[in-house]
Amino acid sequence: MTNWYVVHTHALSENRAAEHLRRQGYQTYLPQCSRWRSHARRRELVRRPLFPRYLFVFLDIMRTQWRPILSTVGVSTILMREGKPNPVPQGVVDMIQEGEANGEMDRMISRRFSLGEPVRILEGPFADLIGRFQGLADRERVYVLLELMERQVKVRLPADALTTA
């Protein structure tokens, strides 16, 4: 029976592993989402793996040789149970693919706040201050623009430390 299986990759090797698996004839799926990257005073939107260090491979383990996957460049292992690859429950990968196609994965964190929206900080040294939402820093943190000492300061905070003002 053909199913999706989870491949665990080496750090920052998801794309490399997926490419080498495709060259060997395996069907792969690497879900991605858009994230902001700051570098050299520039911010740009880049595609990143939705699940860092993981990708999916579609195969029939009864008919297809799956052990070569373990020695593929970029691959660490396959998630297994009792010595065999453990299949992903039916429909899970389809749901992820549909969400990615609809852009839902790009909006998972940012859908709570709009750019420039006033937000209240709930915890930490800036608790109870009001700022303006400036965007995503990464999966768990956001940027907020605060008015401190008569100037605007951009701070990075946990996303769950904010609420709408």
Protein backbone atom coordinates (compact mmCIF):
# COMPACT_ATOMS: atom_id res chain seq x y z
CA MET A 1 0.00 0.00 0.00
CA THR A 2 1.35 3.40 -0.99
CA ASN A 3 1.59 5.99 1.80
CA TRP A 4 3.41 9.13 2.81
CA TYR A 5 6.33 8.66 5.21
CA VAL A 6 8.31 11.22 7.20
CA VAL A 7 12.01 11.67 6.45
CA HIS A 8 14.16 13.41 9.07
CA THR A 9 16.98 15.40 7.45
CA HIS A 10 20.24 16.90 8.59
CA ALA A 11 20.09 20.54 9.70
CA LEU A 12 19.38 22.94 6.81
CA SER A 13 19.43 20.03 4.33
CA GLU A 14 15.73 19.66 3.52
CA ASN A 15 16.04 20.91 -0.08
CA ARG A 16 19.21 18.92 -0.72
CA ALA A 17 17.65 15.72 0.63
CA ALA A 18 14.46 16.25 -1.40
CA GLU A 19 16.48 16.81 -4.59
CA HIS A 20 18.63 13.69 -4.08
CA LEU A 21 15.55 11.59 -3.30
CA ARG A 22 13.85 12.84 -6.49
CA ARG A 23 16.97 11.92 -8.50
CA GLN A 24 16.61 8.37 -7.14
CA GLY A 25 13.01 8.25 -8.35
CA TYR A 26 11.17 8.89 -5.08
CA GLN A 27 8.21 11.25 -4.94
CA THR A 28 8.81 13.89 -2.25
CA TYR A 29 6.92 16.75 -0.70
CA LEU A 30 8.62 19.54 1.23
CA PRO A 31 5.95 21.88 2.62
CA GLN A 32 7.13 25.48 2.69
CA CYS A 33 5.94 28.82 3.96
CA SER A 34 7.02 32.43 3.47
CA ARG A 35 9.08 34.11 6.18
CA TRP A 36 10.80 37.47 6.44
CA ARG A 37 14.61 37.38 6.41
CA SER A 38 16.75 40.33 7.43
CA HIS A 39 20.25 40.55 6.06
CA ALA A 40 22.58 43.48 5.49
CA ARG A 41 19.87 46.05 6.32
CA ARG A 42 17.46 44.46 3.86
CA ARG A 43 14.29 42.52 4.51
CA GLU A 44 13.04 40.04 2.00
CA LEU A 45 10.36 37.38 1.90
CA VAL A 46 11.87 33.90 1.46
CA ARG A 47 10.46 30.39 1.27
CA ARG A 48 11.41 28.19 4.25
CA PRO A 49 10.45 24.63 5.23
CA LEU A 50 7.24 24.56 7.24
CA PHE A 51 8.70 21.75 9.37
CA PRO A 52 12.45 22.33 9.69
CA ARG A 53 14.45 19.09 9.22
CA TYR A 54 11.44 17.12 7.91
CA LEU A 55 9.99 16.23 4.52
CA PHE A 56 7.60 13.59 3.19
CA VAL A 57 8.25 10.74 0.76
CA PHE A 58 5.47 8.82 -1.03
CA LEU A 59 6.14 5.13 -1.55
CA ASP A 60 4.93 1.55 -1.24
CA ILE A 61 7.29 -0.08 1.26
CA MET A 62 6.18 -3.58 0.15
CA ARG A 63 7.23 -3.01 -3.48
CA THR A 64 9.79 -0.22 -3.33
CA GLN A 65 13.27 -0.45 -1.86
CA TRP A 66 13.14 2.12 0.94
CA ARG A 67 16.49 1.44 2.64
CA PRO A 68 18.49 3.51 0.09
CA ILE A 69 16.67 6.54 1.50
CA LEU A 70 18.70 6.13 4.70
CA SER A 71 21.99 6.67 2.85
CA THR A 72 20.79 9.59 0.73
CA VAL A 73 22.69 12.87 0.99
CA GLY A 74 20.96 15.14 3.53
CA VAL A 75 18.83 12.40 5.08
CA SER A 76 19.27 11.49 8.74
CA THR A 77 16.59 8.78 9.06
CA ILE A 78 12.99 7.81 8.38
CA LEU A 79 10.54 7.88 11.27
CA MET A 80 10.00 4.22 12.09
CA ARG A 81 7.93 1.91 14.25
CA GLU A 82 9.00 -1.66 14.95
CA GLY A 83 11.77 -1.52 12.36
CA LYS A 84 9.58 -0.31 9.48
CA PRO A 85 8.81 3.19 8.24
CA ASN A 86 5.77 4.55 10.07
CA PRO A 87 3.14 5.89 7.62
CA VAL A 88 1.60 9.32 8.06
CA PRO A 89 -2.16 9.01 8.81
CA GLN A 90 -4.33 9.24 5.70
CA GLY A 91 -5.33 12.79 4.74
CA VAL A 92 -2.72 14.64 6.80
CA VAL A 93 -0.37 15.39 3.89
CA ASP A 94 -3.34 16.23 1.65
CA MET A 95 -4.51 18.76 4.26
CA ILE A 96 -1.02 20.31 4.45
CA GLN A 97 -0.78 20.51 0.64
CA GLU A 98 -4.18 22.17 0.42
CA GLY A 99 -3.26 24.67 3.16
CA GLU A 100 0.00 25.50 1.41
CA ALA A 101 -1.75 25.96 -1.94
CA ASN A 102 -4.28 28.33 -0.33
CA GLY A 103 -1.55 30.34 1.40
CA GLU A 104 -2.81 29.37 4.86
CA MET A 105 0.66 28.31 6.03
CA ASP A 106 2.02 31.79 5.27
CA ARG A 107 -0.67 33.38 7.42
CA MET A 108 -0.61 31.01 10.42
CA ILE A 109 1.13 33.44 12.77
CA SER A 110 0.47 36.76 11.07
CA ARG A 111 -3.29 36.33 10.73
CA ARG A 112 -3.71 37.54 14.31
CA PHE A 113 -2.29 40.98 13.54
CA SER A 114 -2.15 43.29 10.54
CA LEU A 115 0.88 45.40 9.66
CA GLY A 116 0.73 48.65 11.67
CA GLU A 117 -2.08 47.42 13.94
CA PRO A 118 -1.88 48.63 17.56
CA VAL A 119 -0.94 45.81 19.96
CA ARG A 120 -0.61 45.57 23.75
CA ILE A 121 2.34 43.72 25.26
CA LEU A 122 1.18 41.29 27.93
CA GLU A 123 4.42 40.24 29.63
CA GLY A 124 8.09 41.02 30.12
CA PRO A 125 9.83 44.36 30.66
CA PHE A 126 7.49 46.13 28.20
CA ALA A 127 4.27 44.77 29.76
CA ASP A 128 1.21 47.01 29.26
CA LEU A 129 2.90 49.20 26.61
CA ILE A 130 1.12 49.80 23.32
CA GLY A 131 3.07 49.43 20.10
CA ARG A 132 2.48 48.81 16.40
CA PHE A 133 2.81 45.36 14.84
CA GLN A 134 5.68 45.39 12.31
CA GLY A 135 5.82 41.78 11.09
CA LEU A 136 7.19 38.33 11.76
CA ALA A 137 10.72 37.74 13.01
CA ASP A 138 10.47 33.94 12.84
CA ARG A 139 7.99 31.21 13.78
CA GLU A 140 7.62 32.28 17.41
CA ARG A 141 8.55 35.96 17.51
CA VAL A 142 7.27 39.20 16.02
CA TYR A 143 8.55 42.75 15.64
CA VAL A 144 6.74 45.58 17.44
CA LEU A 145 7.48 49.29 17.07
CA LEU A 146 7.41 51.04 20.47
CA GLU A 147 7.62 54.73 21.39
CA LEU A 148 10.40 54.85 24.04
CA MET A 149 12.29 57.92 25.24
CA GLU A 150 10.87 60.12 22.50
CA ARG A 151 11.94 57.83 19.68
CA GLN A 152 10.64 54.73 17.94
CA VAL A 153 12.33 51.46 18.83
CA LYS A 154 11.80 48.14 17.08
CA VAL A 155 11.71 45.21 19.52
CA ARG A 156 11.43 41.46 18.95
CA LEU A 157 8.94 39.70 21.23
CA PRO A 158 7.26 36.30 21.55
CA ALA A 159 4.11 36.26 19.40
CA ASP A 160 2.02 34.94 22.27
CA ALA A 161 3.02 37.94 24.44
CA LEU A 162 0.77 40.27 22.38
CA THR A 163 -2.91 41.03 22.14
CA THR A 164 -4.84 43.60 20.15
CA ALA A 165 -4.93 47.02 21.81
